[in-house]
Amino acid sequence: MTIKKENITIYQIYPKSFQDSNGDGIGDINGIIQRLDYIQDLGVDMIWLTPVFISPMKDNGYDVADYRNINPLFGSMEDFDRLVLEAKKRNIEIMLDMVFNHTSTDHYWFKEAINGNKKYKDYYIFSDHKTNWKSKFGGSCWEYVESMNQYYLHLFDVTQADLNWENPNVRQELYDIVNFWISKGVRGFRFDVVNLISKPEIFEDDYEGDGRRFYTDGPKIHEYLRELNKETFGKYSDIVTVGEMSSTNLKDCALYSNSEHTELSMIFSFHHLKVDYKDGQKWELDAFEPKKLFDMWRTWQIDLNINSGWNALFLNNHDQPRSVSRFGSQKYHSESSKAIATALFLMKGTPFIYQGEEIGLPNAHYNKLDMFKDVESLNYISSNSYVKSKENMLEILNQRSRDNGRTPMIWDKTSRKGFSSNMPWLDYTLSEHAVSVKESIHDQNSILAYYKKIIAFRKCSKVIQEGDIKFLELENPNVFVYERILENETYRVITSFSKEIENYNSDVSEFEVVISNYETNTLSNISQLLPFMTLVLKKNHCN
């Protein structure tokens, strides 16, 4: 199969939580190799690995100390080479996660910088003064170095120093790193918070916000991405790239992902994952209103399509709580898992499935604050312990913490869930709705079986891969409807996000059922949609 953004499905693996092969409680590369047959059977075409490079793991690998070597926690370079080889045998390619906005303060470059090496000092952003900007992980984003009498910029954790992309030597170092992994057989790259790499010429205080308006989608961002493309992956026709865009806008995202601008294959945007943030604040809970999600999906689909941009289709990843717990229903756990997948993955774009999503893995449902491990969550607990009650904090963390997406995979229902022979680095989800792969794999009505059906349908349907998208029923607050159209073929996708029976009165007499999460082979009962019901209909065109 030719690797193209239109016809592939990508499976994200968080290695630390996927499969432990050596009994240390931490997932590793050899564990991934052990599960390649499972991934192949799922039907996906590429595996995206979150960072497996050498790192002190202050931010679970997104603080890189050496871009060219594998963290012993996950294995060796020989293990990685074997993973690439074994994956290719199964027609699966590997996508690596490149963190180029910042490095770990343990990186050789940064150590040299604070030891007075001028060459490497220019690799980072140092200043005699600090602004009032806030770190995305809390507190100031400037850290004072007493020996230098200067501050360095860190938009994220204090151990993640921002790189100076104005320095051409920095850019060349990073291009060489990408080319190194291309030579290893890697055919995909995900670039972490890549729209933050271009900083303003002058650093000034932000009296309206936290500073992000000054460094998001910066002045030279498109210039840098075009240069990255030209010097590395742009030389190849079979490499797929995706940029994670933090607090971005539609105009820039269309440019990032427009093939004519030779920047990236596609983008991750996150506006649709803030629809349940109260007043835009992550740690403030608000009731989920499906129409807010529908409106955001429609806006990004329509505007990117008009401007020839390309979207990554996702609701789950290592930084997000589980979508079935967030947008679905405990009572209708299986139905809502299938409904969400259908509504999402048949839109225009490239589907990304996050490990465990295909079995409907729910949030952590932890019952103690000390069960949470993520640095962002720990900072939240520390900064709010005197304000929030323990119960309220637990409720918020169980809905918002990044640990919700990082609990280990549940392969079976033994005491260690088939993940490890030892205690895992992070506790398994405590949810009663957690179903194992072993339970799912032989059940034709399982969420896993449904995901396989959706993936296979996408793979053989040119309409879904390349067709236009048209949205219907725009005013219905609980039902999401669109059509995919190419030449003389039309598919209509109807999905209810309601726990109640919903009326649906559109004429579908010319359609037949192709896929449904209920046993529905005819359209006789289409006037009503059952809770979290989804239907994929094909129109019978006259010749």
Protein backbone atom coordinates (compact mmCIF):
# COMPACT_ATOMS: atom_id res chain seq x y z
CA MET A 1 0.00 0.00 0.00
CA THR A 2 1.28 3.48 -0.88
CA ILE A 3 1.67 5.64 2.21
CA LYS A 4 -0.52 8.68 1.59
CA LYS A 5 -2.29 10.85 4.12
CA GLU A 6 -5.66 10.16 2.46
CA ASN A 7 -5.63 6.38 2.69
CA ILE A 8 -3.89 5.49 5.95
CA THR A 9 -4.94 4.99 9.56
CA ILE A 10 -2.35 5.72 12.26
CA TYR A 11 -2.17 4.00 15.65
CA GLN A 12 -0.55 5.91 18.49
CA ILE A 13 1.46 4.01 21.08
CA TYR A 14 2.53 5.42 24.41
CA PRO A 15 5.39 2.93 24.88
CA LYS A 16 5.58 3.24 28.64
CA SER A 17 2.02 1.90 28.94
CA PHE A 18 1.65 -0.48 26.01
CA GLN A 19 3.47 -3.75 26.79
CA ASP A 20 6.25 -4.59 29.23
CA SER A 21 8.53 -7.38 28.00
CA ASN A 22 11.12 -7.52 30.81
CA GLY A 23 9.05 -7.30 33.99
CA ASP A 24 10.13 -3.86 35.20
CA GLY A 25 6.59 -2.48 35.07
CA ILE A 26 7.38 -0.18 32.14
CA GLY A 27 6.39 -0.82 28.54
CA ASP A 28 9.19 -1.09 26.01
CA ILE A 29 10.09 -1.56 22.35
CA ASN A 30 10.29 -5.35 22.56
CA GLY A 31 6.81 -5.29 24.07
CA ILE A 32 5.58 -3.43 20.99
CA ILE A 33 7.22 -6.04 18.77
CA GLN A 34 5.36 -8.75 20.69
CA ARG A 35 2.05 -7.05 19.84
CA LEU A 36 2.67 -6.28 16.16
CA ASP A 37 0.36 -9.08 15.01
CA TYR A 38 -2.43 -7.50 17.06
CA ILE A 39 -1.75 -4.11 15.46
CA GLN A 40 -1.63 -5.67 12.00
CA ASP A 41 -4.96 -7.42 12.63
CA LEU A 42 -6.48 -4.09 13.62
CA GLY A 43 -5.77 -2.93 10.08
CA VAL A 44 -3.70 0.20 10.67
CA ASP A 45 -0.85 1.33 8.42
CA MET A 46 1.49 3.30 10.68
CA ILE A 47 2.48 3.34 14.35
CA TRP A 48 3.24 6.66 16.01
CA LEU A 49 5.52 6.28 19.02
CA THR A 50 5.69 9.02 21.62
CA PRO A 51 9.37 9.83 22.39
CA VAL A 52 11.66 6.88 23.06
CA PHE A 53 14.87 8.95 23.10
CA ILE A 54 17.23 9.32 26.05
CA SER A 55 15.49 11.52 28.61
CA PRO A 56 15.33 12.10 32.39
CA MET A 57 11.55 11.57 31.91
CA LYS A 58 10.48 14.68 33.80
CA ASP A 59 7.76 15.01 31.15
CA ASN A 60 7.59 11.35 30.11
CA GLY A 61 10.09 11.67 27.27
CA TYR A 62 9.09 15.08 25.94
CA ASP A 63 12.22 16.37 27.63
CA VAL A 64 14.85 14.95 25.26
CA ALA A 65 18.49 14.71 26.35
CA ASP A 66 19.77 12.85 23.26
CA TYR A 67 17.84 12.72 19.99
CA ARG A 68 19.97 10.02 18.37
CA ASN A 69 19.83 7.29 20.99
CA ILE A 70 17.15 5.10 22.54
CA ASN A 71 16.33 5.44 26.22
CA PRO A 72 17.49 2.21 27.94
CA LEU A 73 14.14 2.31 29.73
CA PHE A 74 12.60 1.28 26.40
CA GLY A 75 15.41 -0.84 24.97
CA SER A 76 18.31 -0.37 22.59
CA MET A 77 18.93 0.89 19.08
CA GLU A 78 19.08 -2.75 17.98
CA ASP A 79 15.58 -3.23 19.41
CA PHE A 80 14.36 -0.18 17.51
CA ASP A 81 15.91 -1.41 14.25
CA ARG A 82 14.18 -4.74 14.76
CA LEU A 83 10.87 -2.96 15.39
CA VAL A 84 11.17 -1.10 12.07
CA LEU A 85 12.03 -4.33 10.26
CA GLU A 86 9.28 -6.42 11.86
CA ALA A 87 6.69 -3.69 11.32
CA LYS A 88 7.61 -3.39 7.62
CA LYS A 89 7.14 -7.15 7.25
CA ARG A 90 3.52 -6.51 8.27
CA ASN A 91 3.16 -3.47 5.98
CA ILE A 92 3.29 -1.11 8.95
CA GLU A 93 5.50 1.99 9.05
CA ILE A 94 6.91 3.84 12.07
CA MET A 95 6.26 7.50 12.95
CA LEU A 96 8.55 9.15 15.52
CA ASP A 97 7.71 12.05 17.81
CA MET A 98 10.20 14.90 17.40
CA VAL A 99 10.35 17.49 20.20
CA PHE A 100 12.05 20.46 18.58
CA ASN A 101 10.67 23.42 20.54
CA HIS A 102 12.83 22.58 23.52
CA THR A 103 15.33 20.12 24.95
CA SER A 104 15.88 18.74 28.40
CA THR A 105 18.18 20.78 30.59
CA ASP A 106 20.14 17.51 30.78
CA HIS A 107 20.98 17.80 27.08
CA TYR A 108 24.67 18.29 26.26
CA TRP A 109 23.86 21.55 24.47
CA PHE A 110 22.22 23.09 27.54
CA LYS A 111 24.90 21.88 29.94
CA GLU A 112 27.52 23.50 27.74
CA ALA A 113 25.42 26.67 27.54
CA ILE A 114 25.26 27.24 31.29
CA ASN A 115 28.95 26.34 31.60
CA GLY A 116 29.81 29.38 29.49
CA ASN A 117 30.18 27.88 26.01
CA LYS A 118 29.00 30.75 23.80
CA LYS A 119 28.24 28.48 20.83
CA TYR A 120 25.71 26.49 22.82
CA LYS A 121 24.40 29.46 24.76
CA ASP A 122 23.13 30.69 21.39
CA TYR A 123 21.24 27.40 21.01
CA TYR A 124 18.78 28.63 23.67
CA ILE A 125 16.95 31.82 24.61
CA PHE A 126 18.62 33.70 27.46
CA SER A 127 17.65 37.18 28.66
CA ASP A 128 18.78 39.69 31.26
CA HIS A 129 15.14 40.33 32.07
CA LYS A 130 12.02 38.22 32.29
CA THR A 131 8.49 38.91 31.09
CA ASN A 132 5.29 38.07 32.95
CA TRP A 133 4.56 35.12 30.64
CA LYS A 134 3.23 31.96 32.26
CA SER A 135 4.49 28.43 31.63
CA LYS A 136 1.93 26.00 30.24
CA PHE A 137 2.70 23.82 33.26
CA GLY A 138 2.21 26.65 35.76
CA GLY A 139 4.38 29.42 37.16
CA SER A 140 6.75 31.71 35.26
CA CYS A 141 8.25 30.53 31.99
CA TRP A 142 11.59 32.13 32.87
CA GLU A 143 14.16 30.45 35.12
CA TYR A 144 17.07 32.34 36.66
CA VAL A 145 20.61 30.95 36.34
CA GLU A 146 22.67 32.53 39.09
CA SER A 147 26.08 31.80 37.54
CA MET A 148 25.02 33.64 34.35
CA ASN A 149 22.86 36.33 35.98
CA GLN A 150 20.33 35.62 33.24
CA TYR A 151 17.02 33.86 32.68
CA TYR A 152 16.29 31.11 30.16
CA LEU A 153 12.91 30.61 28.50
CA HIS A 154 10.89 27.45 29.11
CA LEU A 155 7.33 27.49 27.81
CA PHE A 156 6.76 24.13 29.50
CA ASP A 157 8.49 22.54 32.50
CA VAL A 158 11.49 24.27 34.05
CA THR A 159 13.61 21.31 32.81
CA GLN A 160 12.55 21.96 29.19
CA ALA A 161 14.59 24.87 27.82
CA ASP A 162 13.33 26.45 24.59
CA LEU A 163 15.60 26.25 21.56
CA ASN A 164 16.62 29.33 19.58
CA TRP A 165 15.41 28.65 16.03
CA GLU A 166 16.85 32.02 14.93
CA ASN A 167 20.24 30.32 15.10
CA PRO A 168 20.89 28.50 11.76
CA ASN A 169 23.20 26.08 13.57
CA VAL A 170 20.29 24.94 15.73
CA ARG A 171 18.12 24.40 12.69
CA GLN A 172 20.83 22.38 10.95
CA GLU A 173 21.33 20.20 14.03
CA LEU A 174 17.61 19.39 14.04
CA TYR A 175 17.49 18.71 10.29
CA ASP A 176 20.42 16.31 10.67
CA ILE A 177 18.48 14.49 13.41
CA VAL A 178 15.44 14.03 11.15
CA ASN A 179 17.65 12.73 8.33
CA PHE A 180 19.35 10.33 10.73
CA TRP A 181 16.01 8.69 11.55
CA ILE A 182 14.93 8.67 7.92
CA SER A 183 18.08 6.66 7.19
CA LYS A 184 16.88 4.21 9.86
CA GLY A 185 13.72 3.51 7.86
CA VAL A 186 11.33 5.85 9.68
CA ARG A 187 8.54 7.04 7.38
CA GLY A 188 6.54 9.33 9.63
CA PHE A 189 7.24 12.28 11.91
CA ARG A 190 5.02 14.02 14.43
CA PHE A 191 6.41 17.40 15.47
CA ASP A 192 5.54 18.37 19.03
CA VAL A 193 4.13 21.90 19.63
CA VAL A 194 5.89 22.89 16.42
CA ASN A 195 3.97 26.15 15.92
CA LEU A 196 5.71 27.59 19.00
CA ILE A 197 9.26 27.42 17.63
CA SER A 198 9.28 30.96 16.15
CA LYS A 199 9.60 33.50 18.94
CA PRO A 200 9.07 37.28 18.67
CA GLU A 201 11.98 39.62 18.02
CA ILE A 202 11.19 41.57 21.19
CA PHE A 203 9.99 39.95 24.43
CA GLU A 204 7.39 42.10 26.16
CA ASP A 205 4.96 41.69 29.03
CA ASP A 206 1.46 40.44 28.25
CA TYR A 207 -1.16 42.49 30.09
CA GLU A 208 -4.05 40.68 28.41
CA GLY A 209 -3.12 37.02 28.88
CA ASP A 210 -0.35 34.56 29.68
CA GLY A 211 2.01 35.43 26.81
CA ARG A 212 0.95 32.83 24.28
CA ARG A 213 -0.33 35.43 21.82
CA PHE A 214 3.28 36.60 21.38
CA TYR A 215 4.83 33.22 20.58
CA THR A 216 2.05 31.14 18.97
CA ASP A 217 2.26 30.85 15.16
CA GLY A 218 5.24 33.18 15.32
CA PRO A 219 6.63 35.52 12.62
CA LYS A 220 8.96 33.02 10.92
CA ILE A 221 7.03 29.79 11.53
CA HIS A 222 6.14 29.11 7.89
CA GLU A 223 9.67 29.94 6.76
CA TYR A 224 11.10 27.48 9.27
CA LEU A 225 8.69 24.68 8.34
CA ARG A 226 9.33 25.09 4.63
CA GLU A 227 13.06 24.89 5.31
CA LEU A 228 12.57 21.80 7.50
CA ASN A 229 10.56 20.20 4.70
CA LYS A 230 13.14 21.05 2.04
CA GLU A 231 16.13 19.81 4.05
CA THR A 232 14.59 16.55 5.30
CA PHE A 233 11.36 14.67 4.60
CA GLY A 234 10.34 16.77 1.60
CA LYS A 235 12.89 14.88 -0.48
CA TYR A 236 10.75 11.73 -0.21
CA SER A 237 7.29 10.95 -1.55
CA ASP A 238 6.43 8.28 1.04
CA ILE A 239 6.91 10.19 4.31
CA VAL A 240 3.91 11.44 6.32
CA THR A 241 4.20 14.32 8.78
CA VAL A 242 1.88 15.90 11.32
CA GLY A 243 2.38 19.02 13.38
CA GLU A 244 0.93 19.50 16.84
CA MET A 245 -0.43 23.04 16.86
CA SER A 246 -0.86 24.62 20.27
CA SER A 247 -3.49 27.39 20.61
CA THR A 248 -3.36 27.90 16.87
CA ASN A 249 -5.73 29.41 14.30
CA LEU A 250 -7.43 28.13 11.16
CA LYS A 251 -5.63 30.46 8.76
CA ASP A 252 -2.17 29.24 9.75
CA CYS A 253 -3.26 25.60 9.94
CA ALA A 254 -4.45 25.74 6.34
CA LEU A 255 -0.97 26.94 5.36
CA TYR A 256 0.79 24.35 7.51
CA SER A 257 -1.08 21.48 5.86
CA ASN A 258 -1.60 22.76 2.31
CA SER A 259 0.51 20.58 0.01
CA GLU A 260 1.25 23.54 -2.25
CA HIS A 261 3.08 25.28 0.61
CA THR A 262 5.39 22.28 1.24
CA GLU A 263 5.28 22.38 5.02
CA LEU A 264 3.50 19.42 6.68
CA SER A 265 1.09 16.67 5.62
CA MET A 266 -1.50 17.51 8.29
CA ILE A 267 -2.09 19.19 11.63
CA PHE A 268 -3.33 18.42 15.11
CA SER A 269 -5.51 21.23 16.46
CA PHE A 270 -7.17 21.21 19.87
CA HIS A 271 -10.03 23.68 19.82
CA HIS A 272 -12.55 20.82 19.67
CA LEU A 273 -11.03 19.38 22.85
CA LYS A 274 -11.79 22.49 24.88
CA VAL A 275 -15.56 22.48 24.37
CA ASP A 276 -16.12 21.23 27.92
CA TYR A 277 -13.65 23.65 29.54
CA LYS A 278 -15.56 26.10 31.72
CA ASP A 279 -14.58 29.64 30.65
CA GLY A 280 -11.76 28.07 28.65
CA GLN A 281 -10.00 26.77 31.77
CA LYS A 282 -8.81 23.15 31.69
CA TRP A 283 -9.18 22.58 35.42
CA GLU A 284 -12.73 23.95 35.57
CA LEU A 285 -15.42 21.37 34.75
CA ASP A 286 -18.41 22.13 32.58
CA ALA A 287 -21.22 19.93 31.26
CA PHE A 288 -20.59 18.56 27.77
CA GLU A 289 -22.92 20.03 25.16
CA PRO A 290 -22.66 17.96 21.94
CA LYS A 291 -23.54 20.89 19.68
CA LYS A 292 -20.38 22.75 20.74
CA LEU A 293 -18.32 19.80 19.52
CA PHE A 294 -20.36 19.52 16.31
CA ASP A 295 -19.94 23.23 15.55
CA MET A 296 -16.18 23.04 16.08
CA TRP A 297 -15.85 19.94 13.87
CA ARG A 298 -17.87 21.59 11.13
CA THR A 299 -15.88 24.82 11.23
CA TRP A 300 -12.51 23.11 10.93
CA GLN A 301 -13.68 20.63 8.30
CA ILE A 302 -15.21 23.31 6.07
CA ASP A 303 -12.49 25.95 6.40
CA LEU A 304 -9.55 23.56 6.02
CA ASN A 305 -11.24 21.96 3.01
CA ILE A 306 -11.80 25.36 1.35
CA ASN A 307 -8.12 26.23 1.82
CA SER A 308 -6.81 22.77 0.79
CA GLY A 309 -5.62 21.99 4.30
CA TRP A 310 -5.68 18.56 5.91
CA ASN A 311 -6.78 17.53 9.38
CA ALA A 312 -5.74 14.74 11.72
CA LEU A 313 -8.93 13.13 13.08
CA PHE A 314 -8.59 12.40 16.79
CA LEU A 315 -10.18 12.75 20.21
CA ASN A 316 -7.72 10.64 22.21
CA ASN A 317 -3.98 10.84 22.80
CA HIS A 318 -1.43 10.72 25.62
CA ASP A 319 -2.35 14.28 26.69
CA GLN A 320 -6.13 13.85 26.71
CA PRO A 321 -8.68 12.05 28.90
CA ARG A 322 -10.50 9.16 27.25
CA SER A 323 -13.19 10.25 24.81
CA VAL A 324 -15.73 7.60 25.84
CA SER A 325 -15.61 8.90 29.43
CA ARG A 326 -15.69 12.50 28.25
CA PHE A 327 -18.21 12.53 25.41
CA GLY A 328 -19.87 9.13 25.77
CA SER A 329 -21.91 7.35 28.42
CA GLN A 330 -21.22 4.82 31.17
CA LYS A 331 -24.67 3.32 30.69
CA TYR A 332 -24.14 3.03 26.93
CA HIS A 333 -20.41 2.44 27.06
CA SER A 334 -20.13 0.15 24.03
CA GLU A 335 -22.69 2.02 21.93
CA SER A 336 -21.13 5.43 22.63
CA SER A 337 -17.58 4.18 21.93
CA LYS A 338 -18.71 2.96 18.51
CA ALA A 339 -20.79 6.07 17.81
CA ILE A 340 -17.92 8.45 18.57
CA ALA A 341 -15.54 6.47 16.36
CA THR A 342 -17.99 6.52 13.44
CA ALA A 343 -18.73 10.23 13.64
CA LEU A 344 -15.03 11.09 13.89
CA PHE A 345 -13.22 8.71 11.58
CA LEU A 346 -15.44 9.04 8.51
CA MET A 347 -14.92 12.77 8.20
CA LYS A 348 -12.28 14.23 5.89
CA GLY A 349 -8.77 13.71 7.21
CA THR A 350 -6.40 11.05 8.56
CA PRO A 351 -7.65 8.97 11.53
CA PHE A 352 -5.43 8.58 14.60
CA ILE A 353 -6.39 5.80 17.01
CA TYR A 354 -4.82 5.94 20.46
CA GLN A 355 -3.92 2.68 22.20
CA GLY A 356 -6.87 1.30 24.15
CA GLU A 357 -9.38 3.46 22.32
CA GLU A 358 -10.20 0.47 20.12
CA ILE A 359 -11.38 -1.49 23.18
CA GLY A 360 -13.19 1.47 24.74
CA LEU A 361 -10.69 1.99 27.56
CA PRO A 362 -12.20 4.54 30.00
CA ASN A 363 -10.63 7.14 32.30
CA ALA A 364 -8.57 6.18 35.35
CA HIS A 365 -11.27 6.57 38.02
CA TYR A 366 -8.55 6.72 40.68
CA ASN A 367 -9.62 7.02 44.33
CA LYS A 368 -6.46 8.64 45.77
CA LEU A 369 -4.58 11.77 44.79
CA ASP A 370 -1.22 10.02 45.12
CA MET A 371 -2.14 7.65 42.28
CA PHE A 372 -1.58 10.46 39.77
CA LYS A 373 1.95 10.75 38.34
CA ASP A 374 1.86 13.33 35.55
CA VAL A 375 3.89 16.51 36.14
CA GLU A 376 1.01 18.76 35.06
CA SER A 377 -1.37 17.02 37.47
CA LEU A 378 1.14 17.16 40.32
CA ASN A 379 1.62 20.89 39.73
CA TYR A 380 -2.16 21.32 39.79
CA ILE A 381 -2.45 19.38 43.07
CA SER A 382 0.36 21.39 44.63
CA SER A 383 -0.95 24.78 43.56
CA ASN A 384 -4.57 24.12 44.53
CA SER A 385 -4.30 21.91 47.61
CA TYR A 386 -5.30 24.80 49.86
CA VAL A 387 -8.29 25.77 47.70
CA LYS A 388 -9.97 22.60 46.49
CA SER A 389 -11.32 19.85 48.68
CA LYS A 390 -9.80 16.41 48.20
CA GLU A 391 -13.02 15.08 46.68
CA ASN A 392 -13.32 17.95 44.19
CA MET A 393 -9.70 17.56 43.16
CA LEU A 394 -10.19 13.84 42.59
CA GLU A 395 -13.24 14.51 40.45
CA ILE A 396 -11.41 17.11 38.38
CA LEU A 397 -8.27 15.00 37.95
CA ASN A 398 -10.32 11.95 37.00
CA GLN A 399 -11.82 14.01 34.20
CA ARG A 400 -8.86 16.18 33.17
CA SER A 401 -5.53 14.59 34.10
CA ARG A 402 -3.25 13.41 31.32
CA ASP A 403 -2.83 10.19 33.33
CA ASN A 404 -6.33 9.19 32.18
CA GLY A 405 -4.88 8.43 28.76
CA ARG A 406 -1.69 6.87 30.12
CA THR A 407 -3.00 3.99 32.20
CA PRO A 408 -1.51 0.67 30.98
CA MET A 409 -3.20 -1.38 28.27
CA ILE A 410 -5.50 -4.13 29.46
CA TRP A 411 -4.63 -7.22 27.45
CA ASP A 412 -6.42 -9.71 29.74
CA LYS A 413 -8.09 -9.84 33.14
CA THR A 414 -5.25 -11.41 35.13
CA SER A 415 -3.88 -9.48 38.11
CA ARG A 416 -1.33 -7.66 35.93
CA LYS A 417 -3.70 -7.34 32.96
CA GLY A 418 -1.24 -9.01 30.58
CA PHE A 419 0.76 -5.77 30.55
CA SER A 420 3.56 -6.79 32.90
CA SER A 421 4.65 -9.49 35.32
CA ASN A 422 5.27 -6.77 37.91
CA MET A 423 3.62 -3.68 39.35
CA PRO A 424 3.10 -1.13 36.56
CA TRP A 425 4.67 2.34 36.68
CA LEU A 426 1.13 3.80 36.72
CA ASP A 427 -1.96 2.09 38.11
CA TYR A 428 -4.48 0.51 35.75
CA THR A 429 -7.84 2.17 35.35
CA LEU A 430 -10.20 1.29 38.17
CA SER A 431 -13.29 1.69 36.00
CA GLU A 432 -15.73 -1.20 36.01
CA HIS A 433 -16.25 -0.62 32.27
CA ALA A 434 -12.68 -1.57 31.35
CA VAL A 435 -12.73 -4.49 28.89
CA SER A 436 -9.63 -6.47 27.91
CA VAL A 437 -8.29 -7.25 24.46
CA LYS A 438 -8.66 -10.97 25.17
CA GLU A 439 -12.36 -10.53 25.92
CA SER A 440 -12.84 -8.38 22.82
CA ILE A 441 -10.91 -10.27 20.21
CA HIS A 442 -13.39 -13.14 19.74
CA ASP A 443 -16.54 -11.08 20.31
CA GLN A 444 -18.05 -9.98 17.00
CA ASN A 445 -20.08 -7.30 18.82
CA SER A 446 -17.11 -5.84 20.68
CA ILE A 447 -15.80 -2.31 20.29
CA LEU A 448 -12.62 -3.83 18.87
CA ALA A 449 -14.53 -5.68 16.14
CA TYR A 450 -16.33 -2.44 15.29
CA TYR A 451 -13.07 -0.50 14.99
CA LYS A 452 -11.74 -3.12 12.60
CA LYS A 453 -14.88 -2.69 10.51
CA ILE A 454 -14.54 1.11 10.39
CA ILE A 455 -10.81 0.92 9.49
CA ALA A 456 -11.46 -1.62 6.73
CA PHE A 457 -14.34 0.46 5.39
CA ARG A 458 -12.16 3.56 5.16
CA LYS A 459 -9.37 1.61 3.47
CA CYS A 460 -11.57 0.39 0.62
CA SER A 461 -13.66 3.55 0.16
CA LYS A 462 -12.32 6.26 -2.10
CA VAL A 463 -15.36 8.36 -1.18
CA ILE A 464 -14.33 8.44 2.49
CA GLN A 465 -10.67 9.00 1.64
CA GLU A 466 -11.05 11.75 -0.93
CA GLY A 467 -14.69 12.82 -1.20
CA ASP A 468 -16.19 16.18 -0.28
CA ILE A 469 -18.06 16.64 2.98
CA LYS A 470 -21.46 18.26 3.43
CA PHE A 471 -23.11 18.83 6.81
CA LEU A 472 -26.84 18.38 7.45
CA GLU A 473 -29.20 18.85 10.42
CA LEU A 474 -27.19 21.84 11.64
CA GLU A 475 -29.64 22.88 14.35
CA ASN A 476 -30.06 19.50 16.04
CA PRO A 477 -28.11 19.81 19.34
CA ASN A 478 -27.64 16.06 19.86
CA VAL A 479 -27.41 14.52 16.38
CA PHE A 480 -24.39 14.94 14.08
CA VAL A 481 -25.05 14.32 10.37
CA TYR A 482 -22.88 14.67 7.30
CA GLU A 483 -22.49 13.25 3.82
CA ARG A 484 -19.33 12.22 2.01
CA ILE A 485 -19.64 12.66 -1.74
CA LEU A 486 -17.43 11.70 -4.68
CA GLU A 487 -18.68 11.61 -8.26
CA ASN A 488 -21.83 9.44 -8.20
CA GLU A 489 -21.37 7.97 -4.72
CA THR A 490 -22.81 9.34 -1.47
CA TYR A 491 -22.56 8.11 2.11
CA ARG A 492 -24.57 9.66 4.92
CA VAL A 493 -23.26 9.35 8.49
CA ILE A 494 -25.83 9.88 11.24
CA THR A 495 -24.74 9.82 14.90
CA SER A 496 -26.69 10.54 18.05
CA PHE A 497 -24.74 11.80 21.07
CA SER A 498 -27.78 11.48 23.32
CA LYS A 499 -28.65 9.09 26.13
CA GLU A 500 -32.28 9.44 25.12
CA ILE A 501 -34.21 8.42 22.00
CA GLU A 502 -33.92 11.17 19.39
CA ASN A 503 -36.30 11.93 16.55
CA TYR A 504 -34.84 11.90 13.04
CA ASN A 505 -37.25 12.81 10.29
CA SER A 506 -35.13 13.21 7.16
CA ASP A 507 -36.01 11.23 4.05
CA VAL A 508 -33.58 8.31 3.68
CA SER A 509 -35.68 6.20 1.32
CA GLU A 510 -32.89 6.20 -1.27
CA PHE A 511 -30.32 4.85 1.21
CA GLU A 512 -29.31 1.44 2.51
CA VAL A 513 -27.53 0.62 5.79
CA VAL A 514 -23.82 -0.12 5.45
CA ILE A 515 -22.67 0.08 9.09
CA SER A 516 -24.51 0.51 12.40
CA ASN A 517 -23.74 -0.02 16.07
CA TYR A 518 -27.21 -1.48 16.57
CA GLU A 519 -28.68 -4.48 14.79
CA THR A 520 -30.30 -2.44 12.04
CA ASN A 521 -30.44 -3.80 8.53
CA THR A 522 -33.40 -1.77 7.31
CA LEU A 523 -34.50 1.81 7.65
CA SER A 524 -38.00 1.12 8.90
CA ASN A 525 -37.25 2.65 12.32
CA ILE A 526 -35.16 5.60 11.13
CA SER A 527 -37.71 8.08 12.48
CA GLN A 528 -36.13 7.48 15.88
CA LEU A 529 -32.49 7.12 16.85
CA LEU A 530 -31.74 4.95 19.87
CA PRO A 531 -29.25 6.23 22.50
CA PHE A 532 -25.83 6.80 20.88
CA MET A 533 -27.02 5.18 17.69
CA THR A 534 -24.87 5.61 14.59
CA LEU A 535 -25.69 4.74 10.99
CA VAL A 536 -23.60 4.78 7.83
CA LEU A 537 -25.92 4.84 4.84
CA LYS A 538 -25.16 4.48 1.15
CA LYS A 539 -27.27 6.23 -1.43
CA ASN A 540 -28.51 4.18 -4.35
CA HIS A 541 -27.85 6.44 -7.33
CA CYS A 542 -29.69 5.84 -10.57
CA ASN A 543 -27.46 5.00 -13.52
